[in-house]
Amino acid sequence: MAFSYTGDAAARLAAAYRADAEPFPTSDAMDFPGSDQDREVAALLRELFFPRCWNATPLVRDERTVAERLDDLGALLCAGIRPYGTAEPDTTVRTVVDCLPAIRSLLKKDVEAAYKGDPAAKSHLEVIRSYPGLFAIMIQRVAHELYEAGEPEYARELTEYAKTRTGIDIHPGAEIGEYFFVDHGTGVVVGETATVGDRVRIYQDVTLGALHFEEEEGAEHALAKGYERHPDVGSHVVIGAGTKVLGAVTVGDHVSIGANSWVTEDVPANTKVYISDHPTQERKQTD
């Protein structure tokens, strides 16, 4: 059925576009990539990191094919960065591409952590192809390099794409150590200034978030940016499902935090945290 609109919304919207002023975007020359951009980046990264697992065995046999894939990835990253104001992003992208072999080494450790840390895991191949936590940390580790290189906006686009695929929200600014494993993953949030040590295992619905927010001085209804507001988590830490660790607190090494805990204070090393008063069950008598 055809539809014909006769109101004045078009005129009012056009006038509103012309009235836009800074800090909203005002340039008509910005050229953002299409909606498939992030999916293509993710597909290339999977092939480059684990070619045998994603039908990309020509990369194993031919270094020139690897170079071609790197060029394809670099072009996509440049296209993603450029609209945010970086006229010549090539140097930044070369820096990120240079990091890919080191990131691959980290991801192999993440795969090992998932396999050893999940009784349901049957093989490393299963982890690589089907575990959402690995996909999320793969994208985050690359996005983190973009973030560190001064391109936080497109880095955030990439991690937001990973969130839509996995339900796992790891900010590109977060610093994540070796052998990182997010099991199940749905609802996990790791904030921008969080740091996570080595051999940390996180379960679903965990938040490493902020507790209080500072207001930006001299700005009305605006929160300050760039300050430490998320937890620092040590190494050899397990955080159970539903747990919230909030604020710029420190969780020491060799800590186990039980499910559904609420942590807003420092946790010393070699400590177990759990809810001591659990709900009780009473059997209802029926006639």
C-alpha atoms as a PDB file:
ATOM      1  CA  MET A   1       0.000   0.000   0.000  1.00  0.00           C
ATOM      2  CA  ALA A   2       1.436   3.377  -1.000  1.00  0.00           C
ATOM      3  CA  PHE A   3       1.911   6.170   1.501  1.00  0.00           C
ATOM      4  CA  SER A   4       2.070   9.892   0.825  1.00  0.00           C
ATOM      5  CA  TYR A   5       2.976  12.278   3.625  1.00  0.00           C
ATOM      6  CA  THR A   6       1.526  15.802   3.364  1.00  0.00           C
ATOM      7  CA  GLY A   7       2.714  17.397   6.606  1.00  0.00           C
ATOM      8  CA  ASP A   8       5.591  19.843   7.176  1.00  0.00           C
ATOM      9  CA  ALA A   9       8.019  17.493   8.977  1.00  0.00           C
ATOM     10  CA  ALA A  10      10.394  17.504   5.980  1.00  0.00           C
ATOM     11  CA  ALA A  11      10.694  21.279   6.049  1.00  0.00           C
ATOM     12  CA  ARG A  12      11.195  21.355   9.801  1.00  0.00           C
ATOM     13  CA  LEU A  13      13.853  18.622   9.680  1.00  0.00           C
ATOM     14  CA  ALA A  14      15.721  20.358   6.831  1.00  0.00           C
ATOM     15  CA  ALA A  15      15.711  23.598   8.807  1.00  0.00           C
ATOM     16  CA  ALA A  16      16.969  21.744  11.871  1.00  0.00           C
ATOM     17  CA  TYR A  17      19.863  20.241   9.881  1.00  0.00           C
ATOM     18  CA  ARG A  18      20.909  23.714   8.674  1.00  0.00           C
ATOM     19  CA  ALA A  19      20.741  25.046  12.219  1.00  0.00           C
ATOM     20  CA  ASP A  20      23.201  22.492  13.622  1.00  0.00           C
ATOM     21  CA  ALA A  21      26.234  24.052  15.303  1.00  0.00           C
ATOM     22  CA  GLU A  22      29.293  22.842  17.157  1.00  0.00           C
ATOM     23  CA  PRO A  23      29.851  20.605  19.037  1.00  0.00           C
ATOM     24  CA  PHE A  24      27.454  18.639  16.801  1.00  0.00           C
ATOM     25  CA  PRO A  25      28.943  17.634  13.434  1.00  0.00           C
ATOM     26  CA  THR A  26      28.444  20.356  10.826  1.00  0.00           C
ATOM     27  CA  SER A  27      30.577  19.180   7.900  1.00  0.00           C
ATOM     28  CA  ASP A  28      28.793  17.820   4.847  1.00  0.00           C
ATOM     29  CA  ALA A  29      32.026  16.235   3.595  1.00  0.00           C
ATOM     30  CA  MET A  30      32.256  13.364   6.108  1.00  0.00           C
ATOM     31  CA  ASP A  31      32.179   9.980   4.410  1.00  0.00           C
ATOM     32  CA  PHE A  32      31.523   7.157   6.874  1.00  0.00           C
ATOM     33  CA  PRO A  33      31.875   3.520   5.828  1.00  0.00           C
ATOM     34  CA  GLY A  34      28.794   1.393   5.297  1.00  0.00           C
ATOM     35  CA  SER A  35      27.083  -0.737   7.909  1.00  0.00           C
ATOM     36  CA  ASP A  36      29.056  -3.832   6.862  1.00  0.00           C
ATOM     37  CA  GLN A  37      32.424  -2.199   7.659  1.00  0.00           C
ATOM     38  CA  ASP A  38      32.830  -3.591  11.183  1.00  0.00           C
ATOM     39  CA  ARG A  39      31.681  -7.055  10.123  1.00  0.00           C
ATOM     40  CA  GLU A  40      34.323  -7.058   7.371  1.00  0.00           C
ATOM     41  CA  VAL A  41      37.001  -5.943   9.836  1.00  0.00           C
ATOM     42  CA  ALA A  42      36.031  -8.743  12.228  1.00  0.00           C
ATOM     43  CA  ALA A  43      36.044 -11.334   9.440  1.00  0.00           C
ATOM     44  CA  LEU A  44      39.514 -10.281   8.309  1.00  0.00           C
ATOM     45  CA  LEU A  45      40.841 -10.348  11.856  1.00  0.00           C
ATOM     46  CA  ARG A  46      39.522 -13.868  12.413  1.00  0.00           C
ATOM     47  CA  GLU A  47      41.248 -15.049   9.238  1.00  0.00           C
ATOM     48  CA  LEU A  48      44.513 -13.308  10.075  1.00  0.00           C
ATOM     49  CA  PHE A  49      44.622 -14.606  13.640  1.00  0.00           C
ATOM     50  CA  PHE A  50      43.395 -18.188  13.058  1.00  0.00           C
ATOM     51  CA  PRO A  51      43.429 -18.853   9.287  1.00  0.00           C
ATOM     52  CA  ARG A  52      43.035 -22.636   9.532  1.00  0.00           C
ATOM     53  CA  CYS A  53      39.823 -22.195  11.534  1.00  0.00           C
ATOM     54  CA  TRP A  54      38.131 -19.827   9.073  1.00  0.00           C
ATOM     55  CA  ASN A  55      38.776 -21.399   5.638  1.00  0.00           C
ATOM     56  CA  ALA A  56      41.768 -19.133   5.013  1.00  0.00           C
ATOM     57  CA  THR A  57      44.543 -21.694   4.607  1.00  0.00           C
ATOM     58  CA  PRO A  58      46.094 -19.781   1.645  1.00  0.00           C
ATOM     59  CA  LEU A  59      47.427 -17.404   4.300  1.00  0.00           C
ATOM     60  CA  VAL A  60      49.361 -20.285   5.848  1.00  0.00           C
ATOM     61  CA  ARG A  61      51.014 -21.186   2.570  1.00  0.00           C
ATOM     62  CA  ASP A  62      51.695 -17.790   1.024  1.00  0.00           C
ATOM     63  CA  GLU A  63      53.118 -14.736   2.756  1.00  0.00           C
ATOM     64  CA  ARG A  64      51.990 -12.561  -0.163  1.00  0.00           C
ATOM     65  CA  THR A  65      48.380 -13.498   0.561  1.00  0.00           C
ATOM     66  CA  VAL A  66      48.889 -12.435   4.168  1.00  0.00           C
ATOM     67  CA  ALA A  67      50.229  -9.106   2.950  1.00  0.00           C
ATOM     68  CA  GLU A  68      47.189  -8.630   0.712  1.00  0.00           C
ATOM     69  CA  ARG A  69      44.843  -9.317   3.639  1.00  0.00           C
ATOM     70  CA  LEU A  70      46.767  -6.822   5.752  1.00  0.00           C
ATOM     71  CA  ASP A  71      46.345  -4.225   3.029  1.00  0.00           C
ATOM     72  CA  ASP A  72      42.604  -4.935   2.956  1.00  0.00           C
ATOM     73  CA  LEU A  73      42.385  -4.593   6.728  1.00  0.00           C
ATOM     74  CA  GLY A  74      44.442  -1.403   6.687  1.00  0.00           C
ATOM     75  CA  ALA A  75      42.174   0.166   4.089  1.00  0.00           C
ATOM     76  CA  LEU A  76      39.106  -0.623   6.188  1.00  0.00           C
ATOM     77  CA  LEU A  77      40.676   0.796   9.342  1.00  0.00           C
ATOM     78  CA  CYS A  78      41.712   3.967   7.517  1.00  0.00           C
ATOM     79  CA  ALA A  79      38.164   4.369   6.195  1.00  0.00           C
ATOM     80  CA  GLY A  80      36.831   3.983   9.715  1.00  0.00           C
ATOM     81  CA  ILE A  81      39.224   6.492  11.257  1.00  0.00           C
ATOM     82  CA  ARG A  82      39.209   9.219   8.602  1.00  0.00           C
ATOM     83  CA  PRO A  83      35.691  10.645   9.186  1.00  0.00           C
ATOM     84  CA  TYR A  84      36.595  11.404  12.793  1.00  0.00           C
ATOM     85  CA  GLY A  85      39.067  14.018  11.642  1.00  0.00           C
ATOM     86  CA  THR A  86      42.319  12.173  10.996  1.00  0.00           C
ATOM     87  CA  ALA A  87      43.162  13.265   7.463  1.00  0.00           C
ATOM     88  CA  GLU A  88      46.085  10.853   7.065  1.00  0.00           C
ATOM     89  CA  PRO A  89      45.484   7.827   9.311  1.00  0.00           C
ATOM     90  CA  ASP A  90      48.050   5.604   7.564  1.00  0.00           C
ATOM     91  CA  THR A  91      50.694   5.994  10.275  1.00  0.00           C
ATOM     92  CA  THR A  92      48.233   5.027  13.012  1.00  0.00           C
ATOM     93  CA  VAL A  93      46.993   2.026  11.068  1.00  0.00           C
ATOM     94  CA  ARG A  94      50.547   0.827  10.380  1.00  0.00           C
ATOM     95  CA  THR A  95      51.183   0.956  14.120  1.00  0.00           C
ATOM     96  CA  VAL A  96      48.109  -1.183  14.765  1.00  0.00           C
ATOM     97  CA  VAL A  97      48.974  -3.667  12.018  1.00  0.00           C
ATOM     98  CA  ASP A  98      52.470  -3.988  13.471  1.00  0.00           C
ATOM     99  CA  CYS A  99      50.835  -5.180  16.714  1.00  0.00           C
ATOM    100  CA  LEU A 100      48.865  -8.019  15.114  1.00  0.00           C
ATOM    101  CA  PRO A 101      51.493 -10.772  15.619  1.00  0.00           C
ATOM    102  CA  ALA A 102      51.732  -9.892  19.320  1.00  0.00           C
ATOM    103  CA  ILE A 103      47.937  -9.794  19.613  1.00  0.00           C
ATOM    104  CA  ARG A 104      47.750 -13.237  17.991  1.00  0.00           C
ATOM    105  CA  SER A 105      50.087 -14.572  20.673  1.00  0.00           C
ATOM    106  CA  LEU A 106      47.818 -13.111  23.348  1.00  0.00           C
ATOM    107  CA  LEU A 107      44.719 -14.597  21.729  1.00  0.00           C
ATOM    108  CA  LYS A 108      46.273 -18.070  21.685  1.00  0.00           C
ATOM    109  CA  LYS A 109      46.709 -17.695  25.441  1.00  0.00           C
ATOM    110  CA  ASP A 110      43.083 -16.558  25.731  1.00  0.00           C
ATOM    111  CA  VAL A 111      42.012 -19.698  23.841  1.00  0.00           C
ATOM    112  CA  GLU A 112      44.050 -21.830  26.219  1.00  0.00           C
ATOM    113  CA  ALA A 113      42.482 -20.083  29.215  1.00  0.00           C
ATOM    114  CA  ALA A 114      39.000 -20.775  27.884  1.00  0.00           C
ATOM    115  CA  TYR A 115      39.745 -24.416  27.141  1.00  0.00           C
ATOM    116  CA  LYS A 116      41.301 -25.079  30.543  1.00  0.00           C
ATOM    117  CA  GLY A 117      38.805 -22.911  32.427  1.00  0.00           C
ATOM    118  CA  ASP A 118      35.583 -24.383  31.025  1.00  0.00           C
ATOM    119  CA  PRO A 119      34.731 -28.043  31.691  1.00  0.00           C
ATOM    120  CA  ALA A 120      32.339 -27.900  28.720  1.00  0.00           C
ATOM    121  CA  ALA A 121      35.077 -26.985  26.220  1.00  0.00           C
ATOM    122  CA  LYS A 122      35.925 -29.950  24.008  1.00  0.00           C
ATOM    123  CA  SER A 123      38.705 -28.467  21.869  1.00  0.00           C
ATOM    124  CA  HIS A 124      40.667 -25.341  21.082  1.00  0.00           C
ATOM    125  CA  LEU A 125      38.896 -25.263  17.708  1.00  0.00           C
ATOM    126  CA  GLU A 126      35.517 -25.103  19.447  1.00  0.00           C
ATOM    127  CA  VAL A 127      36.694 -22.156  21.529  1.00  0.00           C
ATOM    128  CA  ILE A 128      37.986 -20.283  18.483  1.00  0.00           C
ATOM    129  CA  ARG A 129      34.864 -20.802  16.411  1.00  0.00           C
ATOM    130  CA  SER A 130      32.067 -20.540  18.947  1.00  0.00           C
ATOM    131  CA  TYR A 131      33.035 -18.811  22.190  1.00  0.00           C
ATOM    132  CA  PRO A 132      31.674 -15.243  22.410  1.00  0.00           C
ATOM    133  CA  GLY A 133      34.270 -14.261  24.981  1.00  0.00           C
ATOM    134  CA  LEU A 134      37.072 -14.940  22.528  1.00  0.00           C
ATOM    135  CA  PHE A 135      35.381 -12.906  19.800  1.00  0.00           C
ATOM    136  CA  ALA A 136      34.886  -9.988  22.198  1.00  0.00           C
ATOM    137  CA  ILE A 137      38.473  -9.968  23.446  1.00  0.00           C
ATOM    138  CA  MET A 138      39.806 -10.355  19.871  1.00  0.00           C
ATOM    139  CA  ILE A 139      38.048  -7.166  18.819  1.00  0.00           C
ATOM    140  CA  GLN A 140      38.914  -5.377  22.069  1.00  0.00           C
ATOM    141  CA  ARG A 141      42.631  -6.136  21.848  1.00  0.00           C
ATOM    142  CA  VAL A 142      42.792  -4.607  18.361  1.00  0.00           C
ATOM    143  CA  ALA A 143      40.535  -1.703  19.344  1.00  0.00           C
ATOM    144  CA  HIS A 144      42.734  -1.047  22.377  1.00  0.00           C
ATOM    145  CA  GLU A 145      45.693  -0.428  20.084  1.00  0.00           C
ATOM    146  CA  LEU A 146      43.603   2.095  18.117  1.00  0.00           C
ATOM    147  CA  TYR A 147      42.566   3.708  21.402  1.00  0.00           C
ATOM    148  CA  GLU A 148      46.180   3.947  22.587  1.00  0.00           C
ATOM    149  CA  ALA A 149      47.199   5.381  19.209  1.00  0.00           C
ATOM    150  CA  GLY A 150      44.782   8.285  19.682  1.00  0.00           C
ATOM    151  CA  GLU A 151      41.763   6.999  17.748  1.00  0.00           C
ATOM    152  CA  PRO A 152      39.205   6.258  20.487  1.00  0.00           C
ATOM    153  CA  GLU A 153      36.077   6.953  18.413  1.00  0.00           C
ATOM    154  CA  TYR A 154      36.516   4.249  15.814  1.00  0.00           C
ATOM    155  CA  ALA A 155      37.934   1.942  18.472  1.00  0.00           C
ATOM    156  CA  ARG A 156      34.616   2.328  20.275  1.00  0.00           C
ATOM    157  CA  GLU A 157      32.712   1.522  17.092  1.00  0.00           C
ATOM    158  CA  LEU A 158      34.536  -1.790  16.861  1.00  0.00           C
ATOM    159  CA  THR A 159      33.875  -2.810  20.468  1.00  0.00           C
ATOM    160  CA  GLU A 160      30.235  -1.787  20.107  1.00  0.00           C
ATOM    161  CA  TYR A 161      30.013  -4.146  17.147  1.00  0.00           C
ATOM    162  CA  ALA A 162      31.464  -6.916  19.297  1.00  0.00           C
ATOM    163  CA  LYS A 163      28.848  -6.132  21.948  1.00  0.00           C
ATOM    164  CA  THR A 164      26.012  -6.530  19.452  1.00  0.00           C
ATOM    165  CA  ARG A 165      27.430  -9.937  18.500  1.00  0.00           C
ATOM    166  CA  THR A 166      28.172 -11.226  21.989  1.00  0.00           C
ATOM    167  CA  GLY A 167      26.467  -9.167  24.683  1.00  0.00           C
ATOM    168  CA  ILE A 168      29.938  -8.476  26.101  1.00  0.00           C
ATOM    169  CA  ASP A 169      30.890  -4.800  26.479  1.00  0.00           C
ATOM    170  CA  ILE A 170      34.638  -4.295  26.987  1.00  0.00           C
ATOM    171  CA  HIS A 171      35.633  -0.671  26.463  1.00  0.00           C
ATOM    172  CA  PRO A 172      38.660  -0.236  24.174  1.00  0.00           C
ATOM    173  CA  GLY A 173      40.393   1.777  26.892  1.00  0.00           C
ATOM    174  CA  ALA A 174      40.425  -1.135  29.343  1.00  0.00           C
ATOM    175  CA  GLU A 175      43.787  -2.849  29.832  1.00  0.00           C
ATOM    176  CA  ILE A 176      43.447  -6.631  29.755  1.00  0.00           C
ATOM    177  CA  GLY A 177      46.232  -9.056  30.695  1.00  0.00           C
ATOM    178  CA  GLU A 178      47.129 -12.535  29.441  1.00  0.00           C
ATOM    179  CA  TYR A 179      44.980 -15.671  29.612  1.00  0.00           C
ATOM    180  CA  PHE A 180      41.711 -13.732  29.876  1.00  0.00           C
ATOM    181  CA  PHE A 181      38.474 -15.721  29.784  1.00  0.00           C
ATOM    182  CA  VAL A 182      34.860 -14.533  29.795  1.00  0.00           C
ATOM    183  CA  ASP A 183      32.584 -17.566  30.216  1.00  0.00           C
ATOM    184  CA  HIS A 184      29.056 -17.367  28.767  1.00  0.00           C
ATOM    185  CA  GLY A 185      29.497 -13.604  28.677  1.00  0.00           C
ATOM    186  CA  THR A 186      26.031 -12.111  28.302  1.00  0.00           C
ATOM    187  CA  GLY A 187      25.777  -8.852  30.217  1.00  0.00           C
ATOM    188  CA  VAL A 188      29.475  -8.457  31.020  1.00  0.00           C
ATOM    189  CA  VAL A 189      30.647  -4.826  31.212  1.00  0.00           C
ATOM    190  CA  VAL A 190      34.263  -3.670  31.625  1.00  0.00           C
ATOM    191  CA  GLY A 191      34.699   0.097  31.888  1.00  0.00           C
ATOM    192  CA  GLU A 192      37.161   2.414  30.177  1.00  0.00           C
ATOM    193  CA  THR A 193      39.705   2.832  32.976  1.00  0.00           C
ATOM    194  CA  ALA A 194      39.552  -0.741  34.288  1.00  0.00           C
ATOM    195  CA  THR A 195      42.707  -2.826  34.390  1.00  0.00           C
ATOM    196  CA  VAL A 196      42.690  -6.613  34.499  1.00  0.00           C
ATOM    197  CA  GLY A 197      45.725  -8.739  35.289  1.00  0.00           C
ATOM    198  CA  ASP A 198      46.757 -12.160  34.004  1.00  0.00           C
ATOM    199  CA  ARG A 199      44.691 -15.344  34.271  1.00  0.00           C
ATOM    200  CA  VAL A 200      41.408 -13.662  35.164  1.00  0.00           C
ATOM    201  CA  ARG A 201      38.122 -15.516  34.627  1.00  0.00           C
ATOM    202  CA  ILE A 202      34.825 -13.604  34.508  1.00  0.00           C
ATOM    203  CA  TYR A 203      31.337 -15.049  34.294  1.00  0.00           C
ATOM    204  CA  GLN A 204      28.095 -13.682  32.854  1.00  0.00           C
ATOM    205  CA  ASP A 205      26.491 -10.448  34.082  1.00  0.00           C
ATOM    206  CA  VAL A 206      29.673  -9.182  35.771  1.00  0.00           C
ATOM    207  CA  THR A 207      30.290  -5.435  35.837  1.00  0.00           C
ATOM    208  CA  LEU A 208      33.646  -3.756  36.392  1.00  0.00           C
ATOM    209  CA  GLY A 209      32.109  -0.305  36.495  1.00  0.00           C
ATOM    210  CA  ALA A 210      31.998   3.112  38.095  1.00  0.00           C
ATOM    211  CA  LEU A 211      30.348   3.830  41.436  1.00  0.00           C
ATOM    212  CA  HIS A 212      30.328   7.625  41.563  1.00  0.00           C
ATOM    213  CA  PHE A 213      30.800  10.246  38.849  1.00  0.00           C
ATOM    214  CA  GLU A 214      32.575  13.577  39.063  1.00  0.00           C
ATOM    215  CA  GLU A 215      31.023  16.622  37.457  1.00  0.00           C
ATOM    216  CA  GLU A 216      33.033  18.636  34.968  1.00  0.00           C
ATOM    217  CA  GLU A 217      34.055  21.933  36.517  1.00  0.00           C
ATOM    218  CA  GLY A 218      32.320  24.910  34.922  1.00  0.00           C
ATOM    219  CA  ALA A 219      30.002  22.802  32.768  1.00  0.00           C
ATOM    220  CA  GLU A 220      26.340  22.428  33.584  1.00  0.00           C
ATOM    221  CA  HIS A 221      24.932  18.893  33.709  1.00  0.00           C
ATOM    222  CA  ALA A 222      28.169  17.401  32.322  1.00  0.00           C
ATOM    223  CA  LEU A 223      30.242  14.605  33.802  1.00  0.00           C
ATOM    224  CA  ALA A 224      34.023  14.848  33.922  1.00  0.00           C
ATOM    225  CA  LYS A 225      36.063  12.660  31.596  1.00  0.00           C
ATOM    226  CA  GLY A 226      39.440  10.988  31.698  1.00  0.00           C
ATOM    227  CA  TYR A 227      39.764  10.187  35.408  1.00  0.00           C
ATOM    228  CA  GLU A 228      40.163   6.784  37.052  1.00  0.00           C
ATOM    229  CA  ARG A 229      36.725   5.456  38.003  1.00  0.00           C
ATOM    230  CA  HIS A 230      36.836   1.694  37.381  1.00  0.00           C
ATOM    231  CA  PRO A 231      38.417  -1.224  39.253  1.00  0.00           C
ATOM    232  CA  ASP A 232      41.972  -2.515  39.045  1.00  0.00           C
ATOM    233  CA  VAL A 233      41.802  -6.301  39.120  1.00  0.00           C
ATOM    234  CA  GLY A 234      44.929  -8.316  39.881  1.00  0.00           C
ATOM    235  CA  SER A 235      46.057 -11.666  38.497  1.00  0.00           C
ATOM    236  CA  HIS A 236      44.642 -15.129  39.165  1.00  0.00           C
ATOM    237  CA  VAL A 237      41.183 -13.751  39.936  1.00  0.00           C
ATOM    238  CA  VAL A 238      37.777 -15.397  39.447  1.00  0.00           C
ATOM    239  CA  ILE A 239      34.651 -13.212  39.469  1.00  0.00           C
ATOM    240  CA  GLY A 240      31.355 -15.066  39.747  1.00  0.00           C
ATOM    241  CA  ALA A 241      28.178 -14.476  37.772  1.00  0.00           C
ATOM    242  CA  GLY A 242      26.177 -11.363  38.582  1.00  0.00           C
ATOM    243  CA  THR A 243      28.940  -9.699  40.594  1.00  0.00           C
ATOM    244  CA  LYS A 244      29.365  -5.924  40.515  1.00  0.00           C
ATOM    245  CA  VAL A 245      32.812  -4.481  41.285  1.00  0.00           C
ATOM    246  CA  LEU A 246      32.331  -0.729  41.315  1.00  0.00           C
ATOM    247  CA  GLY A 247      34.574   2.284  41.646  1.00  0.00           C
ATOM    248  CA  ALA A 248      38.333   2.812  41.563  1.00  0.00           C
ATOM    249  CA  VAL A 249      38.916  -0.097  43.922  1.00  0.00           C
ATOM    250  CA  THR A 250      41.736  -2.635  43.858  1.00  0.00           C
ATOM    251  CA  VAL A 251      41.193  -6.383  43.777  1.00  0.00           C
ATOM    252  CA  GLY A 252      44.397  -8.177  44.731  1.00  0.00           C
ATOM    253  CA  ASP A 253      45.989 -11.293  43.261  1.00  0.00           C
ATOM    254  CA  HIS A 254      44.584 -14.766  43.913  1.00  0.00           C
ATOM    255  CA  VAL A 255      41.091 -13.542  44.776  1.00  0.00           C
ATOM    256  CA  SER A 256      37.829 -15.434  44.303  1.00  0.00           C
ATOM    257  CA  ILE A 257      34.595 -13.433  44.305  1.00  0.00           C
ATOM    258  CA  GLY A 258      31.397 -15.441  44.581  1.00  0.00           C
ATOM    259  CA  ALA A 259      28.297 -14.956  42.470  1.00  0.00           C
ATOM    260  CA  ASN A 260      26.081 -11.893  42.947  1.00  0.00           C
ATOM    261  CA  SER A 261      28.561 -10.093  45.195  1.00  0.00           C
ATOM    262  CA  TRP A 262      28.564  -6.303  45.507  1.00  0.00           C
ATOM    263  CA  VAL A 263      32.141  -5.008  45.884  1.00  0.00           C
ATOM    264  CA  THR A 264      32.838  -1.314  46.491  1.00  0.00           C
ATOM    265  CA  GLU A 265      35.972  -1.592  48.666  1.00  0.00           C
ATOM    266  CA  ASP A 266      39.485  -2.899  48.087  1.00  0.00           C
ATOM    267  CA  VAL A 267      39.880  -6.667  48.278  1.00  0.00           C
ATOM    268  CA  PRO A 268      43.247  -7.857  49.639  1.00  0.00           C
ATOM    269  CA  ALA A 269      45.223 -10.561  47.878  1.00  0.00           C
ATOM    270  CA  ASN A 270      44.520 -14.200  48.731  1.00  0.00           C
ATOM    271  CA  THR A 271      40.923 -13.473  49.740  1.00  0.00           C
ATOM    272  CA  LYS A 272      37.549 -15.089  49.104  1.00  0.00           C
ATOM    273  CA  VAL A 273      34.501 -12.824  48.849  1.00  0.00           C
ATOM    274  CA  TYR A 274      30.986 -14.225  48.960  1.00  0.00           C
ATOM    275  CA  ILE A 275      27.473 -13.481  50.178  1.00  0.00           C
ATOM    276  CA  SER A 276      27.212 -14.904  53.694  1.00  0.00           C
ATOM    277  CA  ASP A 277      23.433 -14.666  54.125  1.00  0.00           C
ATOM    278  CA  HIS A 278      21.798 -16.730  51.431  1.00  0.00           C
ATOM    279  CA  PRO A 279      18.034 -16.977  50.956  1.00  0.00           C
ATOM    280  CA  THR A 280      16.470 -19.834  52.856  1.00  0.00           C
ATOM    281  CA  GLN A 281      14.060 -22.352  51.423  1.00  0.00           C
ATOM    282  CA  GLU A 282      10.987 -23.508  53.298  1.00  0.00           C
ATOM    283  CA  ARG A 283       8.933 -26.445  52.188  1.00  0.00           C
ATOM    284  CA  LYS A 284       5.262 -25.551  51.962  1.00  0.00           C
ATOM    285  CA  GLN A 285       2.989 -28.085  53.561  1.00  0.00           C
ATOM    286  CA  THR A 286      -0.083 -28.937  51.531  1.00  0.00           C
ATOM    287  CA  ASP A 287      -3.184 -30.763  52.655  1.00  0.00           C
END
